[in-house]
Amino acid sequence: GTTHYLGQNFSKAFDIKFTDKDGAQKYGHTMSFGVSTRLI
């Protein structure tokens, strides 16, 4: 099994932006994780 901190690499590539409480537009920070039938 693995978990991944992706930083803003995919946010910048796919324009995952949000308007923050201060009114500024910022890129999100993403992560992912996965396990498979390899566990069997």
PDB file of all heavy atoms in Angstrom:
ATOM      1  N   GLY A   1       0.847  -1.187   0.000  1.00  0.00           N
ATOM      2  CA  GLY A   1       0.000   0.000   0.000  1.00  0.00           C
ATOM      3  C   GLY A   1       0.883   1.238   0.000  1.00  0.00           C
ATOM      4  O   GLY A   1       2.007   1.211   0.516  1.00  0.00           O
ATOM      5  N   THR A   2       0.381   2.325  -0.592  1.00  0.00           N
ATOM      6  CA  THR A   2       1.155   3.572  -0.620  1.00  0.00           C
ATOM      7  C   THR A   2       0.233   4.767  -0.429  1.00  0.00           C
ATOM      8  O   THR A   2      -0.940   4.738  -0.809  1.00  0.00           O
ATOM      9  CB  THR A   2       1.901   3.749  -1.963  1.00  0.00           C
ATOM     10  OG1 THR A   2       0.998   3.511  -3.048  1.00  0.00           O
ATOM     11  CG2 THR A   2       3.079   2.806  -2.080  1.00  0.00           C
ATOM     12  N   THR A   3       0.788   5.805   0.166  1.00  0.00           N
ATOM     13  CA  THR A   3       0.112   7.096   0.251  1.00  0.00           C
ATOM     14  C   THR A   3       1.053   8.145  -0.320  1.00  0.00           C
ATOM     15  O   THR A   3       2.278   8.029  -0.191  1.00  0.00           O
ATOM     16  CB  THR A   3      -0.270   7.454   1.699  1.00  0.00           C
ATOM     17  OG1 THR A   3       0.921   7.687   2.467  1.00  0.00           O
ATOM     18  CG2 THR A   3      -1.067   6.338   2.356  1.00  0.00           C
ATOM     19  N   HIS A   4       0.473   9.170  -0.954  1.00  0.00           N
ATOM     20  CA  HIS A   4       1.284  10.140  -1.683  1.00  0.00           C
ATOM     21  C   HIS A   4       0.878  11.573  -1.341  1.00  0.00           C
ATOM     22  O   HIS A   4      -0.302  11.932  -1.462  1.00  0.00           O
ATOM     23  CB  HIS A   4       1.127   9.943  -3.198  1.00  0.00           C
ATOM     24  CG  HIS A   4       1.195   8.515  -3.642  1.00  0.00           C
ATOM     25  ND1 HIS A   4       2.373   7.811  -3.711  1.00  0.00           N
ATOM     26  CD2 HIS A   4       0.212   7.658  -4.025  1.00  0.00           C
ATOM     27  CE1 HIS A   4       2.124   6.575  -4.121  1.00  0.00           C
ATOM     28  NE2 HIS A   4       0.822   6.458  -4.313  1.00  0.00           N
ATOM     29  N   TYR A   5       1.852  12.361  -0.917  1.00  0.00           N
ATOM     30  CA  TYR A   5       1.645  13.800  -0.801  1.00  0.00           C
ATOM     31  C   TYR A   5       2.026  14.395  -2.144  1.00  0.00           C
ATOM     32  O   TYR A   5       3.185  14.313  -2.571  1.00  0.00           O
ATOM     33  CB  TYR A   5       2.492  14.390   0.336  1.00  0.00           C
ATOM     34  CG  TYR A   5       2.493  15.895   0.343  1.00  0.00           C
ATOM     35  CD1 TYR A   5       1.304  16.618   0.349  1.00  0.00           C
ATOM     36  CD2 TYR A   5       3.696  16.608   0.310  1.00  0.00           C
ATOM     37  CE1 TYR A   5       1.292  18.000   0.328  1.00  0.00           C
ATOM     38  CE2 TYR A   5       3.707  17.989   0.305  1.00  0.00           C
ATOM     39  CZ  TYR A   5       2.507  18.681   0.306  1.00  0.00           C
ATOM     40  OH  TYR A   5       2.502  20.058   0.282  1.00  0.00           O
ATOM     41  N   LEU A   6       1.036  14.986  -2.823  1.00  0.00           N
ATOM     42  CA  LEU A   6       1.240  15.469  -4.190  1.00  0.00           C
ATOM     43  C   LEU A   6       1.531  16.955  -4.265  1.00  0.00           C
ATOM     44  O   LEU A   6       1.791  17.479  -5.357  1.00  0.00           O
ATOM     45  CB  LEU A   6      -0.004  15.149  -5.035  1.00  0.00           C
ATOM     46  CG  LEU A   6      -0.425  13.673  -5.054  1.00  0.00           C
ATOM     47  CD1 LEU A   6      -1.740  13.514  -5.807  1.00  0.00           C
ATOM     48  CD2 LEU A   6       0.659  12.802  -5.663  1.00  0.00           C
ATOM     49  N   GLY A   7       1.490  17.652  -3.113  1.00  0.00           N
ATOM     50  CA  GLY A   7       1.745  19.082  -3.105  1.00  0.00           C
ATOM     51  C   GLY A   7       0.765  19.818  -4.002  1.00  0.00           C
ATOM     52  O   GLY A   7      -0.436  19.554  -4.000  1.00  0.00           O
ATOM     53  N   GLN A   8       1.288  20.739  -4.806  1.00  0.00           N
ATOM     54  CA  GLN A   8       0.452  21.478  -5.754  1.00  0.00           C
ATOM     55  C   GLN A   8       0.732  21.071  -7.205  1.00  0.00           C
ATOM     56  O   GLN A   8       0.293  21.735  -8.138  1.00  0.00           O
ATOM     57  CB  GLN A   8       0.684  22.981  -5.574  1.00  0.00           C
ATOM     58  CG  GLN A   8       0.200  23.519  -4.231  1.00  0.00           C
ATOM     59  CD  GLN A   8       0.422  25.010  -4.086  1.00  0.00           C
ATOM     60  OE1 GLN A   8       1.467  25.537  -4.484  1.00  0.00           O
ATOM     61  NE2 GLN A   8      -0.545  25.701  -3.501  1.00  0.00           N
ATOM     62  N   ASN A   9       1.466  19.969  -7.380  1.00  0.00           N
ATOM     63  CA  ASN A   9       1.827  19.540  -8.730  1.00  0.00           C
ATOM     64  C   ASN A   9       0.606  19.317  -9.613  1.00  0.00           C
ATOM     65  O   ASN A   9       0.538  19.784 -10.759  1.00  0.00           O
ATOM     66  CB  ASN A   9       2.670  18.262  -8.679  1.00  0.00           C
ATOM     67  CG  ASN A   9       4.031  18.502  -8.066  1.00  0.00           C
ATOM     68  OD1 ASN A   9       4.456  19.650  -7.913  1.00  0.00           O
ATOM     69  ND2 ASN A   9       4.732  17.435  -7.705  1.00  0.00           N
ATOM     70  N   PHE A  10      -0.367  18.579  -9.101  1.00  0.00           N
ATOM     71  CA  PHE A  10      -1.563  18.293  -9.889  1.00  0.00           C
ATOM     72  C   PHE A  10      -2.563  19.444  -9.824  1.00  0.00           C
ATOM     73  O   PHE A  10      -3.330  19.657 -10.769  1.00  0.00           O
ATOM     74  CB  PHE A  10      -2.198  16.975  -9.431  1.00  0.00           C
ATOM     75  CG  PHE A  10      -1.399  15.768  -9.828  1.00  0.00           C
ATOM     76  CD1 PHE A  10      -0.375  15.298  -9.011  1.00  0.00           C
ATOM     77  CD2 PHE A  10      -1.640  15.125 -11.030  1.00  0.00           C
ATOM     78  CE1 PHE A  10       0.383  14.196  -9.379  1.00  0.00           C
ATOM     79  CE2 PHE A  10      -0.888  14.018 -11.413  1.00  0.00           C
ATOM     80  CZ  PHE A  10       0.131  13.549 -10.590  1.00  0.00           C
ATOM     81  N   SER A  11      -2.552  20.190  -8.723  1.00  0.00           N
ATOM     82  CA  SER A  11      -3.442  21.356  -8.629  1.00  0.00           C
ATOM     83  C   SER A  11      -3.107  22.382  -9.710  1.00  0.00           C
ATOM     84  O   SER A  11      -4.002  22.947 -10.356  1.00  0.00           O
ATOM     85  CB  SER A  11      -3.311  22.007  -7.253  1.00  0.00           C
ATOM     86  OG  SER A  11      -3.769  21.145  -6.247  1.00  0.00           O
ATOM     87  N   LYS A  12      -1.827  22.621  -9.913  1.00  0.00           N
ATOM     88  CA  LYS A  12      -1.424  23.591 -10.934  1.00  0.00           C
ATOM     89  C   LYS A  12      -1.638  23.047 -12.340  1.00  0.00           C
ATOM     90  O   LYS A  12      -2.010  23.787 -13.256  1.00  0.00           O
ATOM     91  CB  LYS A  12       0.034  23.989 -10.719  1.00  0.00           C
ATOM     92  CG  LYS A  12       0.235  24.817  -9.450  1.00  0.00           C
ATOM     93  CD  LYS A  12       1.699  25.179  -9.228  1.00  0.00           C
ATOM     94  CE  LYS A  12       1.862  26.048  -7.973  1.00  0.00           C
ATOM     95  NZ  LYS A  12       3.284  26.391  -7.705  1.00  0.00           N
ATOM     96  N   ALA A  13      -1.439  21.744 -12.501  1.00  0.00           N
ATOM     97  CA  ALA A  13      -1.633  21.149 -13.823  1.00  0.00           C
ATOM     98  C   ALA A  13      -3.102  21.120 -14.225  1.00  0.00           C
ATOM     99  O   ALA A  13      -3.437  21.254 -15.407  1.00  0.00           O
ATOM    100  CB  ALA A  13      -1.055  19.736 -13.846  1.00  0.00           C
ATOM    101  N   PHE A  14      -3.997  20.963 -13.229  1.00  0.00           N
ATOM    102  CA  PHE A  14      -5.418  20.815 -13.538  1.00  0.00           C
ATOM    103  C   PHE A  14      -6.271  21.938 -12.955  1.00  0.00           C
ATOM    104  O   PHE A  14      -7.483  21.810 -12.850  1.00  0.00           O
ATOM    105  CB  PHE A  14      -5.896  19.443 -13.060  1.00  0.00           C
ATOM    106  CG  PHE A  14      -5.227  18.322 -13.800  1.00  0.00           C
ATOM    107  CD1 PHE A  14      -4.105  17.690 -13.268  1.00  0.00           C
ATOM    108  CD2 PHE A  14      -5.680  17.936 -15.045  1.00  0.00           C
ATOM    109  CE1 PHE A  14      -3.467  16.675 -13.961  1.00  0.00           C
ATOM    110  CE2 PHE A  14      -5.043  16.920 -15.750  1.00  0.00           C
ATOM    111  CZ  PHE A  14      -3.932  16.298 -15.212  1.00  0.00           C
ATOM    112  N   ASP A  15      -5.608  23.018 -12.560  1.00  0.00           N
ATOM    113  CA  ASP A  15      -6.293  24.246 -12.169  1.00  0.00           C
ATOM    114  C   ASP A  15      -7.255  24.043 -11.001  1.00  0.00           C
ATOM    115  O   ASP A  15      -8.395  24.507 -11.028  1.00  0.00           O
ATOM    116  CB  ASP A  15      -7.039  24.830 -13.374  1.00  0.00           C
ATOM    117  CG  ASP A  15      -7.195  26.350 -13.266  1.00  0.00           C
ATOM    118  OD1 ASP A  15      -6.299  26.988 -12.677  1.00  0.00           O
ATOM    119  OD2 ASP A  15      -8.197  26.882 -13.766  1.00  0.00           O
ATOM    120  N   ILE A  16      -6.780  23.345  -9.971  1.00  0.00           N
ATOM    121  CA  ILE A  16      -7.592  23.167  -8.764  1.00  0.00           C
ATOM    122  C   ILE A  16      -7.324  24.383  -7.877  1.00  0.00           C
ATOM    123  O   ILE A  16      -6.389  24.398  -7.068  1.00  0.00           O
ATOM    124  CB  ILE A  16      -7.244  21.859  -8.029  1.00  0.00           C
ATOM    125  CG1 ILE A  16      -7.334  20.667  -8.989  1.00  0.00           C
ATOM    126  CG2 ILE A  16      -8.181  21.653  -6.834  1.00  0.00           C
ATOM    127  CD1 ILE A  16      -6.875  19.350  -8.391  1.00  0.00           C
ATOM    128  N   LYS A  17      -8.139  25.418  -8.046  1.00  0.00           N
ATOM    129  CA  LYS A  17      -7.950  26.672  -7.321  1.00  0.00           C
ATOM    130  C   LYS A  17      -9.192  26.985  -6.489  1.00  0.00           C
ATOM    131  O   LYS A  17     -10.298  26.567  -6.827  1.00  0.00           O
ATOM    132  CB  LYS A  17      -7.681  27.828  -8.290  1.00  0.00           C
ATOM    133  CG  LYS A  17      -6.351  27.743  -9.005  1.00  0.00           C
ATOM    134  CD  LYS A  17      -6.034  29.019  -9.762  1.00  0.00           C
ATOM    135  CE  LYS A  17      -6.972  29.240 -10.928  1.00  0.00           C
ATOM    136  NZ  LYS A  17      -6.530  30.367 -11.789  1.00  0.00           N
ATOM    137  N   PHE A  18      -8.972  27.737  -5.418  1.00  0.00           N
ATOM    138  CA  PHE A  18     -10.100  28.143  -4.583  1.00  0.00           C
ATOM    139  C   PHE A  18      -9.880  29.576  -4.102  1.00  0.00           C
ATOM    140  O   PHE A  18      -8.740  30.041  -3.987  1.00  0.00           O
ATOM    141  CB  PHE A  18     -10.258  27.201  -3.386  1.00  0.00           C
ATOM    142  CG  PHE A  18      -9.121  27.250  -2.402  1.00  0.00           C
ATOM    143  CD1 PHE A  18      -9.212  28.015  -1.241  1.00  0.00           C
ATOM    144  CD2 PHE A  18      -7.943  26.539  -2.628  1.00  0.00           C
ATOM    145  CE1 PHE A  18      -8.169  28.066  -0.335  1.00  0.00           C
ATOM    146  CE2 PHE A  18      -6.892  26.578  -1.721  1.00  0.00           C
ATOM    147  CZ  PHE A  18      -7.002  27.356  -0.567  1.00  0.00           C
ATOM    148  N   THR A  19     -10.969  30.252  -3.847  1.00  0.00           N
ATOM    149  CA  THR A  19     -10.905  31.589  -3.263  1.00  0.00           C
ATOM    150  C   THR A  19     -10.864  31.444  -1.752  1.00  0.00           C
ATOM    151  O   THR A  19     -11.779  30.896  -1.136  1.00  0.00           O
ATOM    152  CB  THR A  19     -12.122  32.433  -3.657  1.00  0.00           C
ATOM    153  OG1 THR A  19     -12.186  32.500  -5.096  1.00  0.00           O
ATOM    154  CG2 THR A  19     -12.012  33.839  -3.093  1.00  0.00           C
ATOM    155  N   ASP A  20      -9.775  31.894  -1.139  1.00  0.00           N
ATOM    156  CA  ASP A  20      -9.585  31.725   0.303  1.00  0.00           C
ATOM    157  C   ASP A  20     -10.368  32.787   1.085  1.00  0.00           C
ATOM    158  O   ASP A  20     -10.965  33.702   0.511  1.00  0.00           O
ATOM    159  CB  ASP A  20      -8.089  31.801   0.632  1.00  0.00           C
ATOM    160  CG  ASP A  20      -7.738  31.005   1.888  1.00  0.00           C
ATOM    161  OD1 ASP A  20      -8.668  30.561   2.580  1.00  0.00           O
ATOM    162  OD2 ASP A  20      -6.540  30.839   2.150  1.00  0.00           O
ATOM    163  N   LYS A  21     -10.313  32.668   2.399  1.00  0.00           N
ATOM    164  CA  LYS A  21     -11.048  33.593   3.272  1.00  0.00           C
ATOM    165  C   LYS A  21     -10.594  35.036   3.075  1.00  0.00           C
ATOM    166  O   LYS A  21     -11.366  35.966   3.304  1.00  0.00           O
ATOM    167  CB  LYS A  21     -10.865  33.191   4.736  1.00  0.00           C
ATOM    168  CG  LYS A  21     -11.479  31.845   5.081  1.00  0.00           C
ATOM    169  CD  LYS A  21     -11.203  31.479   6.538  1.00  0.00           C
ATOM    170  CE  LYS A  21     -11.768  30.111   6.870  1.00  0.00           C
ATOM    171  NZ  LYS A  21     -11.492  29.721   8.277  1.00  0.00           N
ATOM    172  N   ASP A  22      -9.336  35.228   2.653  1.00  0.00           N
ATOM    173  CA  ASP A  22      -8.818  36.583   2.451  1.00  0.00           C
ATOM    174  C   ASP A  22      -9.133  37.128   1.054  1.00  0.00           C
ATOM    175  O   ASP A  22      -8.678  38.217   0.686  1.00  0.00           O
ATOM    176  CB  ASP A  22      -7.310  36.623   2.699  1.00  0.00           C
ATOM    177  CG  ASP A  22      -6.535  35.667   1.783  1.00  0.00           C
ATOM    178  OD1 ASP A  22      -7.159  35.077   0.868  1.00  0.00           O
ATOM    179  OD2 ASP A  22      -5.316  35.507   2.000  1.00  0.00           O
ATOM    180  N   GLY A  23      -9.894  36.341   0.268  1.00  0.00           N
ATOM    181  CA  GLY A  23     -10.277  36.792  -1.063  1.00  0.00           C
ATOM    182  C   GLY A  23      -9.283  36.455  -2.155  1.00  0.00           C
ATOM    183  O   GLY A  23      -9.557  36.682  -3.329  1.00  0.00           O
ATOM    184  N   ALA A  24      -8.134  35.901  -1.778  1.00  0.00           N
ATOM    185  CA  ALA A  24      -7.103  35.567  -2.763  1.00  0.00           C
ATOM    186  C   ALA A  24      -7.358  34.179  -3.355  1.00  0.00           C
ATOM    187  O   ALA A  24      -7.859  33.277  -2.683  1.00  0.00           O
ATOM    188  CB  ALA A  24      -5.726  35.602  -2.106  1.00  0.00           C
ATOM    189  N   GLN A  25      -7.014  34.029  -4.622  1.00  0.00           N
ATOM    190  CA  GLN A  25      -7.121  32.720  -5.263  1.00  0.00           C
ATOM    191  C   GLN A  25      -5.846  31.925  -5.014  1.00  0.00           C
ATOM    192  O   GLN A  25      -4.733  32.424  -5.213  1.00  0.00           O
ATOM    193  CB  GLN A  25      -7.354  32.871  -6.769  1.00  0.00           C
ATOM    194  CG  GLN A  25      -8.796  33.155  -7.147  1.00  0.00           C
ATOM    195  CD  GLN A  25      -9.198  32.425  -8.425  1.00  0.00           C
ATOM    196  OE1 GLN A  25      -8.408  32.314  -9.363  1.00  0.00           O
ATOM    197  NE2 GLN A  25     -10.422  31.918  -8.450  1.00  0.00           N
ATOM    198  N   LYS A  26      -6.019  30.676  -4.583  1.00  0.00           N
ATOM    199  CA  LYS A  26      -4.875  29.832  -4.241  1.00  0.00           C
ATOM    200  C   LYS A  26      -5.071  28.438  -4.832  1.00  0.00           C
ATOM    201  O   LYS A  26      -6.203  27.991  -5.037  1.00  0.00           O
ATOM    202  CB  LYS A  26      -4.728  29.737  -2.722  1.00  0.00           C
ATOM    203  CG  LYS A  26      -4.490  31.082  -2.039  1.00  0.00           C
ATOM    204  CD  LYS A  26      -4.442  30.939  -0.522  1.00  0.00           C
ATOM    205  CE  LYS A  26      -4.243  32.295   0.149  1.00  0.00           C
ATOM    206  NZ  LYS A  26      -4.251  32.206   1.627  1.00  0.00           N
ATOM    207  N   TYR A  27      -3.945  27.775  -5.079  1.00  0.00           N
ATOM    208  CA  TYR A  27      -4.000  26.388  -5.521  1.00  0.00           C
ATOM    209  C   TYR A  27      -4.153  25.470  -4.305  1.00  0.00           C
ATOM    210  O   TYR A  27      -3.537  25.688  -3.265  1.00  0.00           O
ATOM    211  CB  TYR A  27      -2.736  26.003  -6.283  1.00  0.00           C
ATOM    212  CG  TYR A  27      -2.669  26.606  -7.671  1.00  0.00           C
ATOM    213  CD1 TYR A  27      -1.844  27.703  -7.936  1.00  0.00           C
ATOM    214  CD2 TYR A  27      -3.427  26.073  -8.707  1.00  0.00           C
ATOM    215  CE1 TYR A  27      -1.786  28.252  -9.206  1.00  0.00           C
ATOM    216  CE2 TYR A  27      -3.365  26.622  -9.992  1.00  0.00           C
ATOM    217  CZ  TYR A  27      -2.550  27.702 -10.220  1.00  0.00           C
ATOM    218  OH  TYR A  27      -2.489  28.260 -11.485  1.00  0.00           O
ATOM    219  N   GLY A  28      -4.971  24.418  -4.470  1.00  0.00           N
ATOM    220  CA  GLY A  28      -5.121  23.442  -3.402  1.00  0.00           C
ATOM    221  C   GLY A  28      -3.899  22.550  -3.287  1.00  0.00           C
ATOM    222  O   GLY A  28      -3.022  22.521  -4.165  1.00  0.00           O
ATOM    223  N   HIS A  29      -3.844  21.827  -2.189  1.00  0.00           N
ATOM    224  CA  HIS A  29      -2.777  20.843  -1.943  1.00  0.00           C
ATOM    225  C   HIS A  29      -3.436  19.466  -1.925  1.00  0.00           C
ATOM    226  O   HIS A  29      -4.412  19.253  -1.205  1.00  0.00           O
ATOM    227  CB  HIS A  29      -2.079  21.126  -0.619  1.00  0.00           C
ATOM    228  CG  HIS A  29      -1.381  22.451  -0.586  1.00  0.00           C
ATOM    229  ND1 HIS A  29      -0.023  22.590  -0.746  1.00  0.00           N
ATOM    230  CD2 HIS A  29      -1.864  23.710  -0.424  1.00  0.00           C
ATOM    231  CE1 HIS A  29       0.311  23.867  -0.676  1.00  0.00           C
ATOM    232  NE2 HIS A  29      -0.797  24.565  -0.477  1.00  0.00           N
ATOM    233  N   THR A  30      -2.911  18.539  -2.705  1.00  0.00           N
ATOM    234  CA  THR A  30      -3.591  17.255  -2.877  1.00  0.00           C
ATOM    235  C   THR A  30      -2.754  16.087  -2.373  1.00  0.00           C
ATOM    236  O   THR A  30      -1.532  16.189  -2.196  1.00  0.00           O
ATOM    237  CB  THR A  30      -3.945  17.007  -4.357  1.00  0.00           C
ATOM    238  OG1 THR A  30      -2.749  16.848  -5.128  1.00  0.00           O
ATOM    239  CG2 THR A  30      -4.764  18.165  -4.922  1.00  0.00           C
ATOM    240  N   MET A  31      -3.455  14.981  -2.142  1.00  0.00           N
ATOM    241  CA  MET A  31      -2.800  13.723  -1.762  1.00  0.00           C
ATOM    242  C   MET A  31      -3.645  12.577  -2.312  1.00  0.00           C
ATOM    243  O   MET A  31      -4.816  12.756  -2.654  1.00  0.00           O
ATOM    244  CB  MET A  31      -2.644  13.596  -0.247  1.00  0.00           C
ATOM    245  CG  MET A  31      -3.918  13.625   0.575  1.00  0.00           C
ATOM    246  SD  MET A  31      -4.833  12.048   0.680  1.00  0.00           S
ATOM    247  CE  MET A  31      -3.673  10.994   1.538  1.00  0.00           C
ATOM    248  N   SER A  32      -3.041  11.406  -2.406  1.00  0.00           N
ATOM    249  CA  SER A  32      -3.773  10.223  -2.848  1.00  0.00           C
ATOM    250  C   SER A  32      -3.218   8.999  -2.146  1.00  0.00           C
ATOM    251  O   SER A  32      -2.119   9.031  -1.569  1.00  0.00           O
ATOM    252  CB  SER A  32      -3.689  10.053  -4.371  1.00  0.00           C
ATOM    253  OG  SER A  32      -2.351   9.812  -4.783  1.00  0.00           O
ATOM    254  N   PHE A  33      -3.985   7.913  -2.197  1.00  0.00           N
ATOM    255  CA  PHE A  33      -3.544   6.681  -1.532  1.00  0.00           C
ATOM    256  C   PHE A  33      -4.245   5.489  -2.178  1.00  0.00           C
ATOM    257  O   PHE A  33      -5.344   5.625  -2.729  1.00  0.00           O
ATOM    258  CB  PHE A  33      -3.834   6.725  -0.024  1.00  0.00           C
ATOM    259  CG  PHE A  33      -5.283   6.974   0.331  1.00  0.00           C
ATOM    260  CD1 PHE A  33      -6.137   5.928   0.630  1.00  0.00           C
ATOM    261  CD2 PHE A  33      -5.788   8.268   0.371  1.00  0.00           C
ATOM    262  CE1 PHE A  33      -7.465   6.152   0.967  1.00  0.00           C
ATOM    263  CE2 PHE A  33      -7.123   8.506   0.710  1.00  0.00           C
ATOM    264  CZ  PHE A  33      -7.965   7.454   1.003  1.00  0.00           C
ATOM    265  N   GLY A  34      -3.609   4.308  -2.135  1.00  0.00           N
ATOM    266  CA  GLY A  34      -4.224   3.153  -2.774  1.00  0.00           C
ATOM    267  C   GLY A  34      -3.658   1.823  -2.314  1.00  0.00           C
ATOM    268  O   GLY A  34      -2.478   1.702  -1.975  1.00  0.00           O
ATOM    269  N   VAL A  35      -4.548   0.835  -2.275  1.00  0.00           N
ATOM    270  CA  VAL A  35      -4.168  -0.576  -2.127  1.00  0.00           C
ATOM    271  C   VAL A  35      -4.924  -1.357  -3.189  1.00  0.00           C
ATOM    272  O   VAL A  35      -5.919  -0.885  -3.730  1.00  0.00           O
ATOM    273  CB  VAL A  35      -4.489  -1.156  -0.732  1.00  0.00           C
ATOM    274  CG1 VAL A  35      -3.723  -0.444   0.364  1.00  0.00           C
ATOM    275  CG2 VAL A  35      -5.998  -1.131  -0.454  1.00  0.00           C
ATOM    276  N   SER A  36      -4.477  -2.569  -3.472  1.00  0.00           N
ATOM    277  CA  SER A  36      -5.062  -3.332  -4.564  1.00  0.00           C
ATOM    278  C   SER A  36      -5.248  -4.790  -4.184  1.00  0.00           C
ATOM    279  O   SER A  36      -4.961  -5.214  -3.058  1.00  0.00           O
ATOM    280  CB  SER A  36      -4.157  -3.238  -5.805  1.00  0.00           C
ATOM    281  OG  SER A  36      -3.006  -4.047  -5.629  1.00  0.00           O
ATOM    282  N   THR A  37      -5.708  -5.573  -5.181  1.00  0.00           N
ATOM    283  CA  THR A  37      -5.847  -7.016  -4.995  1.00  0.00           C
ATOM    284  C   THR A  37      -4.497  -7.681  -4.740  1.00  0.00           C
ATOM    285  O   THR A  37      -4.453  -8.870  -4.417  1.00  0.00           O
ATOM    286  CB  THR A  37      -6.514  -7.653  -6.230  1.00  0.00           C
ATOM    287  OG1 THR A  37      -6.038  -7.024  -7.428  1.00  0.00           O
ATOM    288  CG2 THR A  37      -8.013  -7.506  -6.174  1.00  0.00           C
ATOM    289  N   ARG A  38      -3.422  -6.933  -4.839  1.00  0.00           N
ATOM    290  CA  ARG A  38      -2.101  -7.445  -4.438  1.00  0.00           C
ATOM    291  C   ARG A  38      -2.119  -7.888  -2.970  1.00  0.00           C
ATOM    292  O   ARG A  38      -1.336  -8.764  -2.567  1.00  0.00           O
ATOM    293  CB  ARG A  38      -1.065  -6.345  -4.659  1.00  0.00           C
ATOM    294  CG  ARG A  38       0.310  -6.653  -4.113  1.00  0.00           C
ATOM    295  CD  ARG A  38       1.280  -5.545  -4.434  1.00  0.00           C
ATOM    296  NE  ARG A  38       1.911  -5.806  -5.712  1.00  0.00           N
ATOM    297  CZ  ARG A  38       3.187  -5.508  -5.981  1.00  0.00           C
ATOM    298  NH1 ARG A  38       3.938  -4.923  -5.095  1.00  0.00           N
ATOM    299  NH2 ARG A  38       3.702  -5.779  -7.155  1.00  0.00           N
ATOM    300  N   LEU A  39      -3.005  -7.298  -2.163  1.00  0.00           N
ATOM    301  CA  LEU A  39      -3.104  -7.694  -0.761  1.00  0.00           C
ATOM    302  C   LEU A  39      -3.446  -9.174  -0.606  1.00  0.00           C
ATOM    303  O   LEU A  39      -3.058  -9.808   0.380  1.00  0.00           O
ATOM    304  CB  LEU A  39      -4.150  -6.843  -0.033  1.00  0.00           C
ATOM    305  CG  LEU A  39      -3.768  -5.402   0.285  1.00  0.00           C
ATOM    306  CD1 LEU A  39      -4.935  -4.670   0.930  1.00  0.00           C
ATOM    307  CD2 LEU A  39      -2.537  -5.335   1.195  1.00  0.00           C
ATOM    308  N   ILE A  40      -4.189  -9.722  -1.572  1.00  0.00           N
ATOM    309  CA  ILE A  40      -4.496 -11.151  -1.494  1.00  0.00           C
ATOM    310  C   ILE A  40      -3.223 -11.966  -1.668  1.00  0.00           C
ATOM    311  O   ILE A  40      -2.998 -12.966  -0.982  1.00  0.00           O
ATOM    312  CB  ILE A  40      -5.567 -11.532  -2.534  1.00  0.00           C
ATOM    313  CG1 ILE A  40      -6.854 -10.742  -2.272  1.00  0.00           C
ATOM    314  CG2 ILE A  40      -5.842 -13.035  -2.505  1.00  0.00           C
ATOM    315  CD1 ILE A  40      -7.944 -10.974  -3.291  1.00  0.00           C
TER     316      ILE A  40
END
